[in-house]
Amino acid sequence: MKKPTSNKRRTNRYIALARVSSREQEREGFSLDIQVDALKAYADRQGGTIVKLWRIAETASKTDERKTFKELIAYAKKHAIELDGILFYKVDRAARNLFDYVELERLESEFDVPFFSVTQPTENTPAGRMQRRMLASMASFFTEQQSLDVKSGVKRRVEEGLFPQKAPYGYRNIRVEKRGLVEIHPMNGAKVTRIFDLYAYHQLTLDSLLERLYEEGIYYSDSQPRFTRSKLHAILRDRSYIGDVMYQGEWHPGTHKPLVDRVTWDIVQVLLGDKVYRSHELTYASGLILCNHCNSVITGESVVKKATGKEYVYYRCSQYTAQGHPRIRLSEEKIDRQMMSIFNKMQVENDDVREWFTAQLQLRTKIEQEDGRRNAEEVQRQLSLLRQQQDRLLNLRLMGEIDEKTMASKATELRDRESKLKLQLDACDLGRHENGEIAVKAFELSQNLSGQWFRADYAVKRRYLEIVFLNFVLDDVTLVPTMRKPFDMLAEGLFVSSSRGERIRTSDPLVPNQMR
């Protein structure tokens, strides 16, 4: 495309691009302002002006850089007949790769829009063009090599258990002996821990969690007091808070200090996944009682009356608002009264019978402890097999038989399984040592409930309920229990002649004479 000629001299018209990254500023000592001044000075020397100038700053993303370059090319093609050239500070400012350089050469050959490097002038001859192409090739090489160096450095950080990017909320980046490390943020770290604690143990939805944080004066930042729902969800899903680091879409073991213990993390993930997890604060909440109407879990909520400041606890089906579902809501006080009625049925007046029943509980406890020991051995065996799998996985990676992404994915899966098995092992150990004593205490409590139930704290109540009952069904407003053996005998009566299975028969020689 040839530009029209005229006897009247006109001012040269140029477009220009200034580009810089933070690394290049530090290494080469030039900024956008320096480039812009040099571009304008060149245009002045040529008796021209810059009609449009594009800037690509160090903060621009690759997408933004590409968008700006495409905009420049499109503008040059559209206004080619009006332009006398494109100005760049250096050849490597014009093109970061050879594909971009080819676009510039096409502009020159097909649209007659030459480009000029103001600090690396070359003639518009075959030799000059070869020189420019060599400079462009060198720029492309340095860009690619820099990318590889950065990726290699990031990979080394991940292998050392360090964050490859900016630390997540709750942590902060620091430099120790010129090395980038991470530490817990002195203020935000405690906020993250509180967020997990509230969601795991206080029966809150994401929306009610937002309000609770604001009421407690826990602000996201000085400029943005309130957390957003999306930020809370992202925090609760972020494995960084249990000690992992994210790299290329996979989680890897980190060396930073966790803000959340693994048990709390697991609870939160189950709750976020819309699965049932046993409440850790409300005595009769989810996991213990099912709705007879729809078989969903009964959940609890705490309400504080503004007028009096008194707290009331209510329980309802988690599908309470579903169309056609009975709108039944019971206060904790009403459920407590029903529990008293159930415990009253378990009263045994005869001292000999109480002693016999206690002995039976202790005998059953020994059997359960043996079962617990066997379960613990099985869990320990599974842990040993799992650790062997972890060793084999590492060997496969070292031999190059699996790629890094597969390694990271499988390693995360194995770590999660290991954590769950350790929790099972802890539960087995706890059960072997405590269940027998608690069962006896639960029986003693059932025989002397006047005031004791209401004075007991949440943890004691919940443990007793788990020992005595398998579960409950809420039928309209009536609590229907399914009791564990041998407590079911107390509730149904010790002298039932139709007893079967493990229930006491009056002909059993072990049954005290007072029960025959």
Protein backbone atom coordinates (compact mmCIF):
# COMPACT_ATOMS: atom_id res chain seq x y z
CA MET A 1 0.00 0.00 0.00
CA LYS A 2 1.68 3.18 -1.16
CA LYS A 3 0.95 6.46 0.55
CA PRO A 4 -0.08 9.41 -1.66
CA THR A 5 2.59 12.02 -2.30
CA SER A 6 2.18 15.78 -2.21
CA ASN A 7 4.40 18.75 -3.02
CA LYS A 8 3.33 20.31 0.27
CA ARG A 9 5.48 19.11 3.17
CA ARG A 10 3.42 17.59 5.99
CA THR A 11 4.24 16.70 9.57
CA ASN A 12 5.25 13.06 10.12
CA ARG A 13 2.70 11.12 12.10
CA TYR A 14 3.73 8.24 14.36
CA ILE A 15 2.18 5.84 16.81
CA ALA A 16 4.31 4.50 19.64
CA LEU A 17 4.47 1.79 22.32
CA ALA A 18 6.29 2.00 25.67
CA ARG A 19 6.64 -1.25 27.57
CA VAL A 20 8.42 -2.12 30.84
CA SER A 21 8.37 -4.77 33.57
CA SER A 22 9.44 -4.38 37.20
CA ARG A 23 12.39 -6.76 36.68
CA GLU A 24 13.61 -4.74 33.69
CA GLN A 25 13.25 -1.46 35.54
CA GLU A 26 15.46 -2.82 38.33
CA ARG A 27 18.00 -4.40 35.97
CA GLU A 28 18.28 -1.83 33.19
CA GLY A 29 17.27 1.34 35.00
CA PHE A 30 14.67 2.69 32.57
CA SER A 31 11.02 3.35 33.20
CA LEU A 32 7.95 4.17 31.14
CA ASP A 33 8.58 7.88 31.55
CA ILE A 34 12.14 7.56 30.24
CA GLN A 35 10.89 5.61 27.22
CA VAL A 36 8.09 8.09 26.51
CA ASP A 37 10.51 11.04 26.63
CA ALA A 38 12.89 9.26 24.23
CA LEU A 39 10.04 8.42 21.80
CA LYS A 40 8.78 12.02 21.76
CA ALA A 41 12.32 13.37 21.29
CA TYR A 42 12.82 11.09 18.26
CA ALA A 43 9.54 12.22 16.72
CA ASP A 44 10.57 15.87 17.21
CA ARG A 45 13.90 15.25 15.52
CA GLN A 46 12.08 13.78 12.54
CA GLY A 47 9.82 16.79 12.36
CA GLY A 48 6.83 14.77 13.45
CA THR A 49 4.45 14.03 16.28
CA ILE A 50 3.08 10.99 18.10
CA VAL A 51 -0.65 10.82 17.40
CA LYS A 52 -1.32 7.84 19.69
CA LEU A 53 0.76 6.30 22.45
CA TRP A 54 0.23 2.94 24.20
CA ARG A 55 1.75 2.07 27.58
CA ILE A 56 2.25 -1.42 29.03
CA ALA A 57 3.20 -1.09 32.70
CA GLU A 58 4.86 -3.61 34.99
CA THR A 59 1.49 -4.35 36.59
CA ALA A 60 -0.12 -5.51 33.35
CA SER A 61 -1.10 -9.15 33.02
CA LYS A 62 -0.18 -11.21 29.96
CA THR A 63 -3.78 -10.90 28.77
CA ASP A 64 -3.66 -7.11 29.08
CA GLU A 65 -0.31 -7.00 27.27
CA ARG A 66 -1.66 -9.05 24.40
CA LYS A 67 -4.82 -6.95 24.23
CA THR A 68 -2.76 -3.72 24.01
CA PHE A 69 -0.48 -5.11 21.29
CA LYS A 70 -3.46 -6.28 19.21
CA GLU A 71 -5.05 -2.87 19.59
CA LEU A 72 -1.86 -1.21 18.27
CA ILE A 73 -1.71 -3.55 15.24
CA ALA A 74 -5.40 -3.00 14.45
CA TYR A 75 -5.00 0.78 14.69
CA ALA A 76 -1.94 0.73 12.42
CA LYS A 77 -3.77 -1.26 9.74
CA LYS A 78 -6.83 0.97 9.88
CA HIS A 79 -4.84 4.23 9.69
CA ALA A 80 -1.90 2.94 7.62
CA ILE A 81 -2.34 5.56 4.91
CA GLU A 82 -2.00 8.35 7.48
CA LEU A 83 1.01 6.98 9.39
CA ASP A 84 4.74 7.31 8.83
CA GLY A 85 5.82 4.63 11.25
CA ILE A 86 5.64 2.94 14.65
CA LEU A 87 8.14 3.92 17.32
CA PHE A 88 9.66 1.68 19.99
CA TYR A 89 12.40 2.35 22.53
CA LYS A 90 14.27 -0.89 21.66
CA VAL A 91 13.52 -3.91 19.50
CA ASP A 92 12.76 -6.02 22.56
CA ARG A 93 10.19 -3.37 23.60
CA ALA A 94 8.40 -3.95 20.29
CA ALA A 95 8.13 -7.74 20.37
CA ARG A 96 8.35 -10.13 23.30
CA ASN A 97 8.22 -13.12 20.96
CA LEU A 98 8.84 -13.88 17.27
CA PHE A 99 5.13 -14.10 16.47
CA ASP A 100 4.70 -10.43 17.42
CA TYR A 101 7.77 -9.48 15.39
CA VAL A 102 6.29 -11.16 12.30
CA GLU A 103 3.15 -9.01 12.73
CA LEU A 104 5.33 -5.89 12.70
CA GLU A 105 7.19 -6.97 9.55
CA ARG A 106 3.85 -7.63 7.84
CA LEU A 107 2.78 -4.09 8.68
CA GLU A 108 5.96 -2.84 7.07
CA SER A 109 5.76 -4.94 3.91
CA GLU A 110 2.01 -5.06 3.31
CA PHE A 111 0.78 -1.74 4.77
CA ASP A 112 3.90 0.39 4.31
CA VAL A 113 4.07 1.25 8.04
CA PRO A 114 7.74 0.89 9.05
CA PHE A 115 8.81 0.54 12.65
CA PHE A 116 11.73 2.30 14.27
CA SER A 117 13.80 1.46 17.33
CA VAL A 118 14.86 4.88 18.63
CA THR A 119 17.86 3.57 20.62
CA GLN A 120 18.85 0.78 18.18
CA PRO A 121 18.64 2.39 14.73
CA THR A 122 18.99 0.11 11.73
CA GLU A 123 18.85 0.79 8.01
CA ASN A 124 15.89 -0.33 5.93
CA THR A 125 18.07 -2.74 3.95
CA PRO A 126 18.42 -6.53 3.92
CA ALA A 127 21.37 -6.23 6.32
CA GLY A 128 19.44 -3.86 8.57
CA ARG A 129 16.41 -6.12 8.62
CA MET A 130 18.63 -9.12 9.43
CA GLN A 131 20.11 -7.13 12.34
CA ARG A 132 16.62 -6.35 13.67
CA ARG A 133 15.59 -9.99 13.36
CA MET A 134 18.64 -11.06 15.35
CA LEU A 135 17.75 -8.54 18.06
CA ALA A 136 14.17 -9.84 18.04
CA SER A 137 15.40 -13.44 18.30
CA MET A 138 17.62 -12.53 21.23
CA ALA A 139 14.68 -10.76 22.93
CA SER A 140 12.50 -13.82 22.41
CA PHE A 141 15.25 -16.08 23.79
CA PHE A 142 15.71 -13.95 26.92
CA THR A 143 11.94 -13.83 27.48
CA GLU A 144 11.59 -17.61 27.19
CA GLN A 145 14.66 -18.23 29.34
CA GLN A 146 13.40 -15.81 31.98
CA SER A 147 10.08 -17.65 32.03
CA LEU A 148 11.87 -20.97 32.54
CA ASP A 149 14.02 -19.48 35.31
CA VAL A 150 10.96 -18.12 37.08
CA LYS A 151 9.12 -21.45 36.79
CA SER A 152 12.19 -23.28 38.07
CA GLY A 153 12.45 -20.91 41.03
CA VAL A 154 8.75 -21.29 41.82
CA LYS A 155 9.05 -25.08 41.64
CA ARG A 156 11.98 -25.03 44.06
CA ARG A 157 9.95 -22.94 46.50
CA VAL A 158 7.10 -25.45 46.38
CA GLU A 159 9.49 -28.36 46.91
CA GLU A 160 10.76 -26.53 49.99
CA GLY A 161 7.17 -26.15 51.25
CA LEU A 162 6.93 -22.40 50.54
CA PHE A 163 4.12 -20.46 48.87
CA PRO A 164 4.91 -19.85 45.18
CA GLN A 165 2.82 -16.69 45.18
CA LYS A 166 1.51 -14.05 47.54
CA ALA A 167 0.56 -15.53 50.91
CA PRO A 168 -3.19 -16.03 51.47
CA TYR A 169 -5.27 -13.95 53.86
CA GLY A 170 -4.15 -14.66 57.42
CA TYR A 171 -0.46 -14.85 56.49
CA ARG A 172 2.03 -12.26 55.27
CA ASN A 173 5.15 -12.32 53.13
CA ILE A 174 8.42 -11.37 54.81
CA ARG A 175 12.07 -11.32 53.76
CA VAL A 176 14.69 -13.02 55.90
CA GLU A 177 18.27 -12.73 54.67
CA LYS A 178 17.02 -11.78 51.17
CA ARG A 179 14.75 -14.83 51.06
CA GLY A 180 10.98 -14.64 50.70
CA LEU A 181 9.25 -16.45 53.58
CA VAL A 182 5.78 -16.45 55.17
CA GLU A 183 4.58 -15.91 58.71
CA ILE A 184 1.18 -15.69 60.38
CA HIS A 185 -0.26 -12.19 60.14
CA PRO A 186 -0.45 -10.76 63.69
CA MET A 187 -4.09 -9.68 63.24
CA ASN A 188 -5.59 -11.55 60.30
CA GLY A 189 -4.32 -14.97 61.41
CA ALA A 190 -6.59 -14.96 64.45
CA LYS A 191 -9.50 -13.88 62.24
CA VAL A 192 -9.12 -16.95 60.03
CA THR A 193 -8.97 -19.27 63.06
CA ARG A 194 -12.14 -17.67 64.46
CA ILE A 195 -13.95 -18.01 61.11
CA PHE A 196 -13.30 -21.78 61.04
CA ASP A 197 -14.26 -22.16 64.70
CA LEU A 198 -17.58 -20.30 64.28
CA TYR A 199 -18.59 -22.20 61.16
CA ALA A 200 -17.59 -25.63 62.49
CA TYR A 201 -18.99 -25.44 66.01
CA HIS A 202 -21.65 -22.72 66.20
CA GLN A 203 -24.34 -23.84 63.74
CA LEU A 204 -23.94 -20.82 61.44
CA THR A 205 -24.65 -20.44 57.75
CA LEU A 206 -22.36 -18.32 55.60
CA ASP A 207 -24.83 -15.43 55.82
CA SER A 208 -25.18 -15.63 59.60
CA LEU A 209 -21.39 -16.00 59.86
CA LEU A 210 -21.02 -12.69 58.04
CA GLU A 211 -23.20 -10.98 60.63
CA ARG A 212 -21.54 -12.74 63.57
CA LEU A 213 -18.09 -11.58 62.46
CA TYR A 214 -19.29 -7.99 62.11
CA GLU A 215 -20.98 -8.11 65.53
CA GLU A 216 -17.75 -9.38 67.10
CA GLY A 217 -15.77 -6.58 65.49
CA ILE A 218 -13.84 -8.94 63.21
CA TYR A 219 -13.31 -6.87 60.05
CA TYR A 220 -11.79 -7.96 56.74
CA SER A 221 -9.69 -4.80 56.54
CA ASP A 222 -9.74 -1.16 57.62
CA SER A 223 -11.08 -0.03 54.26
CA GLN A 224 -13.55 -2.94 53.93
CA PRO A 225 -15.02 -3.86 57.33
CA ARG A 226 -17.38 -6.61 56.16
CA PHE A 227 -16.28 -9.91 54.70
CA THR A 228 -18.12 -10.89 51.53
CA ARG A 229 -19.84 -14.24 51.15
CA SER A 230 -17.45 -15.27 48.36
CA LYS A 231 -14.38 -14.38 50.45
CA LEU A 232 -15.65 -16.43 53.39
CA HIS A 233 -16.34 -19.42 51.16
CA ALA A 234 -12.88 -19.17 49.60
CA ILE A 235 -11.24 -19.00 53.05
CA LEU A 236 -13.18 -22.03 54.32
CA ARG A 237 -12.13 -24.05 51.25
CA ASP A 238 -8.46 -23.01 51.29
CA ARG A 239 -6.16 -25.88 52.31
CA SER A 240 -3.38 -23.35 52.97
CA TYR A 241 -4.78 -23.04 56.49
CA ILE A 242 -3.98 -26.69 57.28
CA GLY A 243 -0.41 -26.37 56.00
CA ASP A 244 -0.64 -27.03 52.23
CA VAL A 245 0.49 -24.87 49.30
CA MET A 246 -1.12 -24.63 45.87
CA TYR A 247 0.97 -25.13 42.73
CA GLN A 248 -0.32 -25.75 39.19
CA GLY A 249 -3.77 -26.68 40.43
CA GLU A 250 -2.53 -29.24 42.97
CA TRP A 251 -1.88 -29.10 46.73
CA HIS A 252 1.55 -29.87 48.17
CA PRO A 253 2.80 -30.15 51.78
CA GLY A 254 3.91 -26.76 53.13
CA THR A 255 6.26 -25.72 55.92
CA HIS A 256 4.23 -22.77 57.23
CA LYS A 257 2.36 -23.00 60.53
CA PRO A 258 -1.30 -24.07 60.10
CA LEU A 259 -4.03 -21.76 61.36
CA VAL A 260 -6.64 -24.55 61.62
CA ASP A 261 -6.41 -28.02 63.13
CA ARG A 262 -7.32 -30.97 60.92
CA VAL A 263 -10.44 -31.98 62.86
CA THR A 264 -11.97 -28.51 62.50
CA TRP A 265 -11.02 -28.45 58.81
CA ASP A 266 -12.73 -31.80 58.16
CA ILE A 267 -15.89 -30.66 59.96
CA VAL A 268 -16.06 -27.48 57.86
CA GLN A 269 -15.59 -29.38 54.60
CA VAL A 270 -18.39 -31.78 55.48
CA LEU A 271 -20.70 -28.88 56.35
CA LEU A 272 -19.83 -27.00 53.16
CA GLY A 273 -20.50 -30.19 51.21
CA ASP A 274 -24.08 -30.29 52.50
CA LYS A 275 -23.42 -33.51 54.38
CA VAL A 276 -24.52 -34.23 57.91
CA TYR A 277 -22.05 -33.68 60.69
CA ARG A 278 -22.80 -33.93 64.37
CA SER A 279 -23.26 -30.61 66.13
CA HIS A 280 -20.54 -29.55 68.52
CA GLU A 281 -22.47 -27.04 70.54
CA LEU A 282 -26.23 -27.66 70.61
CA THR A 283 -27.17 -30.75 72.60
CA TYR A 284 -29.86 -32.17 70.30
CA ALA A 285 -28.70 -30.78 66.94
CA SER A 286 -27.90 -32.48 63.63
CA GLY A 287 -26.81 -36.08 63.51
CA LEU A 288 -28.73 -37.15 66.61
CA ILE A 289 -32.38 -36.62 65.63
CA LEU A 290 -34.09 -37.35 62.29
CA CYS A 291 -37.37 -35.96 61.05
CA ASN A 292 -40.08 -38.64 60.80
CA HIS A 293 -41.76 -36.72 57.97
CA CYS A 294 -38.82 -36.53 55.52
CA ASN A 295 -35.94 -38.37 57.25
CA SER A 296 -33.78 -35.22 57.19
CA VAL A 297 -31.67 -34.14 60.15
CA ILE A 298 -32.96 -31.91 62.92
CA THR A 299 -30.89 -28.78 63.29
CA GLY A 300 -30.71 -26.20 66.05
CA GLU A 301 -30.57 -22.43 66.22
CA SER A 302 -29.86 -20.00 69.01
CA VAL A 303 -32.07 -16.90 69.27
CA VAL A 304 -31.40 -13.96 71.57
CA LYS A 305 -34.45 -11.88 72.46
CA LYS A 306 -33.53 -8.22 72.08
CA ALA A 307 -35.95 -7.08 74.76
CA THR A 308 -34.51 -9.27 77.52
CA GLY A 309 -31.14 -10.37 76.12
CA LYS A 310 -32.04 -13.96 77.07
CA GLU A 311 -30.92 -16.78 74.79
CA TYR A 312 -33.36 -19.44 73.60
CA VAL A 313 -32.51 -22.59 71.65
CA TYR A 314 -34.95 -24.09 69.14
CA TYR A 315 -34.82 -27.24 67.04
CA ARG A 316 -36.47 -27.92 63.68
CA CYS A 317 -36.05 -30.06 60.58
CA SER A 318 -33.40 -28.86 58.15
CA GLN A 319 -36.13 -29.05 55.45
CA TYR A 320 -38.48 -26.96 57.58
CA THR A 321 -39.17 -24.47 54.78
CA ALA A 322 -39.86 -27.09 52.08
CA GLN A 323 -43.31 -26.98 50.50
CA GLY A 324 -45.80 -29.14 52.40
CA HIS A 325 -43.43 -29.77 55.31
CA PRO A 326 -44.94 -29.43 58.81
CA ARG A 327 -43.78 -26.16 60.40
CA ILE A 328 -42.82 -27.71 63.74
CA ARG A 329 -40.26 -26.05 65.97
CA LEU A 330 -39.45 -27.27 69.48
CA SER A 331 -37.65 -25.38 72.20
CA GLU A 332 -34.77 -27.08 74.00
CA GLU A 333 -36.80 -26.83 77.20
CA LYS A 334 -39.58 -29.01 75.72
CA ILE A 335 -37.09 -31.60 74.46
CA ASP A 336 -35.44 -31.64 77.90
CA ARG A 337 -38.82 -32.47 79.48
CA GLN A 338 -39.28 -35.38 77.08
CA MET A 339 -35.78 -36.59 77.92
CA MET A 340 -36.74 -36.54 81.62
CA SER A 341 -39.72 -38.72 80.82
CA ILE A 342 -37.51 -41.22 78.98
CA PHE A 343 -34.98 -41.31 81.81
CA ASN A 344 -37.79 -41.78 84.35
CA LYS A 345 -38.72 -45.02 82.60
CA MET A 346 -35.21 -46.25 83.24
CA GLN A 347 -35.52 -45.95 87.04
CA VAL A 348 -34.60 -49.10 89.04
CA GLU A 349 -35.68 -49.05 92.69
CA ASN A 350 -34.04 -52.30 93.86
CA ASP A 351 -30.39 -51.95 94.97
CA ASP A 352 -29.51 -55.52 94.01
CA VAL A 353 -30.86 -54.99 90.51
CA ARG A 354 -28.89 -51.77 90.13
CA GLU A 355 -25.69 -53.56 91.17
CA TRP A 356 -26.41 -56.38 88.76
CA PHE A 357 -27.06 -53.95 85.91
CA THR A 358 -23.84 -52.09 86.64
CA ALA A 359 -21.95 -55.39 86.53
CA GLN A 360 -23.55 -56.15 83.15
CA LEU A 361 -22.42 -52.79 81.83
CA GLN A 362 -18.87 -53.45 82.97
CA LEU A 363 -18.93 -56.90 81.35
CA ARG A 364 -20.20 -55.40 78.10
CA THR A 365 -17.50 -52.77 78.35
CA LYS A 366 -14.78 -55.43 78.43
CA ILE A 367 -16.22 -56.97 75.27
CA GLU A 368 -16.37 -53.55 73.58
CA GLN A 369 -12.83 -52.79 74.65
CA GLU A 370 -11.65 -56.00 73.00
CA ASP A 371 -13.57 -55.05 69.86
CA GLY A 372 -11.98 -51.61 70.05
CA ARG A 373 -8.53 -53.12 70.35
CA ARG A 374 -9.13 -55.22 67.22
CA ASN A 375 -10.47 -52.16 65.38
CA ALA A 376 -7.41 -50.18 66.40
CA GLU A 377 -5.13 -52.94 65.10
CA GLU A 378 -7.00 -52.93 61.79
CA VAL A 379 -6.73 -49.15 61.48
CA GLN A 380 -3.02 -49.38 62.32
CA ARG A 381 -2.60 -52.01 59.60
CA GLN A 382 -4.31 -49.72 57.09
CA LEU A 383 -2.03 -46.87 58.14
CA SER A 384 1.03 -49.05 57.52
CA LEU A 385 -0.25 -49.99 54.04
CA LEU A 386 -0.98 -46.34 53.31
CA ARG A 387 2.55 -45.29 54.23
CA GLN A 388 3.90 -48.01 51.95
CA GLN A 389 1.78 -46.53 49.16
CA GLN A 390 3.25 -43.10 49.88
CA ASP A 391 6.77 -44.53 49.63
CA ARG A 392 5.95 -46.29 46.33
CA LEU A 393 4.43 -43.10 44.94
CA LEU A 394 7.59 -41.15 45.77
CA ASN A 395 9.78 -43.83 44.14
CA LEU A 396 7.66 -43.75 40.99
CA ARG A 397 8.11 -39.99 40.79
CA LEU A 398 11.86 -40.21 41.35
CA MET A 399 12.12 -42.79 38.55
CA GLY A 400 10.10 -40.52 36.25
CA GLU A 401 7.25 -43.03 35.76
CA ILE A 402 4.58 -40.52 36.80
CA ASP A 403 4.42 -36.78 36.18
CA GLU A 404 4.47 -34.08 38.83
CA LYS A 405 0.74 -33.28 38.58
CA THR A 406 -0.24 -36.91 39.14
CA MET A 407 2.20 -37.10 42.03
CA ALA A 408 0.71 -34.03 43.71
CA SER A 409 -2.89 -35.21 43.23
CA LYS A 410 -2.24 -38.71 44.60
CA ALA A 411 -0.11 -37.39 47.46
CA THR A 412 -2.93 -35.07 48.57
CA GLU A 413 -5.40 -37.96 48.42
CA LEU A 414 -3.12 -40.17 50.52
CA ARG A 415 -2.54 -37.42 53.09
CA ASP A 416 -6.29 -36.96 53.49
CA ARG A 417 -6.78 -40.71 53.96
CA GLU A 418 -3.94 -40.80 56.48
CA SER A 419 -5.53 -37.97 58.47
CA LYS A 420 -8.88 -39.77 58.61
CA LEU A 421 -7.27 -43.03 59.70
CA LYS A 422 -5.41 -41.22 62.48
CA LEU A 423 -8.70 -39.76 63.69
CA GLN A 424 -10.24 -43.26 63.65
CA LEU A 425 -7.28 -44.56 65.64
CA ASP A 426 -7.68 -41.78 68.21
CA ALA A 427 -11.39 -42.58 68.48
CA CYS A 428 -10.64 -46.27 69.04
CA ASP A 429 -8.18 -45.47 71.81
CA LEU A 430 -10.55 -43.00 73.43
CA GLY A 431 -13.45 -45.44 73.26
CA ARG A 432 -11.51 -48.28 74.89
CA HIS A 433 -10.59 -46.15 77.87
CA GLU A 434 -13.72 -44.08 78.41
CA ASN A 435 -16.86 -45.83 77.20
CA GLY A 436 -17.17 -48.23 80.12
CA GLU A 437 -16.82 -45.55 82.75
CA ILE A 438 -19.21 -43.24 80.91
CA ALA A 439 -21.80 -46.01 80.48
CA VAL A 440 -21.80 -46.59 84.25
CA LYS A 441 -22.07 -42.85 84.86
CA ALA A 442 -24.93 -42.62 82.36
CA PHE A 443 -26.77 -45.37 84.24
CA GLU A 444 -26.12 -43.63 87.57
CA LEU A 445 -27.35 -40.39 86.06
CA SER A 446 -30.53 -42.04 84.81
CA GLN A 447 -31.22 -43.14 88.39
CA ASN A 448 -30.77 -39.71 89.91
CA LEU A 449 -31.71 -37.05 87.42
CA SER A 450 -33.31 -34.48 89.70
CA GLY A 451 -31.33 -31.38 88.75
CA GLN A 452 -28.24 -33.21 87.44
CA TRP A 453 -29.22 -33.13 83.77
CA PHE A 454 -29.83 -29.39 83.82
CA ARG A 455 -26.58 -28.70 85.67
CA ALA A 456 -24.45 -30.78 83.25
CA ASP A 457 -22.60 -28.91 80.48
CA TYR A 458 -23.03 -29.58 76.78
CA ALA A 459 -20.12 -32.02 76.43
CA VAL A 460 -21.31 -34.22 79.31
CA LYS A 461 -24.90 -34.29 78.04
CA ARG A 462 -23.89 -35.14 74.53
CA ARG A 463 -21.59 -37.94 75.61
CA TYR A 464 -24.28 -39.50 77.80
CA LEU A 465 -26.78 -39.35 74.95
CA GLU A 466 -24.33 -41.07 72.60
CA ILE A 467 -23.73 -43.86 75.14
CA VAL A 468 -27.40 -44.49 75.93
CA PHE A 469 -29.10 -43.84 72.57
CA LEU A 470 -28.47 -44.88 69.00
CA ASN A 471 -30.61 -42.04 67.62
CA PHE A 472 -33.97 -40.29 67.84
CA VAL A 473 -36.87 -39.64 65.50
CA LEU A 474 -39.00 -36.52 65.88
CA ASP A 475 -42.56 -37.63 65.14
CA ASP A 476 -44.60 -34.41 65.02
CA VAL A 477 -43.65 -32.98 68.45
CA THR A 478 -42.78 -36.33 70.08
CA LEU A 479 -39.22 -37.56 70.51
CA VAL A 480 -39.00 -41.32 69.80
CA PRO A 481 -35.68 -42.86 70.92
CA THR A 482 -33.81 -45.94 69.73
CA MET A 483 -31.74 -47.08 72.69
CA ARG A 484 -28.52 -49.00 72.85
CA LYS A 485 -28.33 -52.31 74.64
CA PRO A 486 -28.62 -52.93 77.52
CA PHE A 487 -30.32 -49.58 78.27
CA ASP A 488 -33.28 -50.60 76.12
CA MET A 489 -34.17 -53.15 78.82
CA LEU A 490 -34.52 -50.39 81.39
CA ALA A 491 -36.83 -48.31 79.24
CA GLU A 492 -39.03 -51.27 78.22
CA GLY A 493 -39.03 -52.84 81.69
CA LEU A 494 -36.79 -55.54 83.13
CA PHE A 495 -39.64 -58.02 83.66
CA VAL A 496 -40.89 -58.24 80.08
CA SER A 497 -41.53 -61.96 79.49
CA SER A 498 -41.45 -61.49 75.70
CA SER A 499 -37.87 -60.29 75.77
CA ARG A 500 -35.66 -61.77 73.08
CA GLY A 501 -32.09 -61.67 71.93
CA GLU A 502 -29.91 -59.97 74.48
CA ARG A 503 -32.82 -58.81 76.62
CA ILE A 504 -33.07 -60.39 80.07
CA ARG A 505 -35.17 -63.53 80.43
CA THR A 506 -36.65 -64.21 83.86
CA SER A 507 -35.44 -67.80 83.60
CA ASP A 508 -31.83 -66.72 83.16
CA PRO A 509 -29.87 -68.02 86.20
CA LEU A 510 -27.80 -64.87 86.21
CA VAL A 511 -30.85 -62.72 86.85
CA PRO A 512 -31.22 -61.82 90.53
CA ASN A 513 -34.09 -63.49 92.40
CA GLN A 514 -35.72 -60.12 92.90
CA MET A 515 -36.25 -59.92 89.11
CA ARG A 516 -37.87 -63.34 88.61
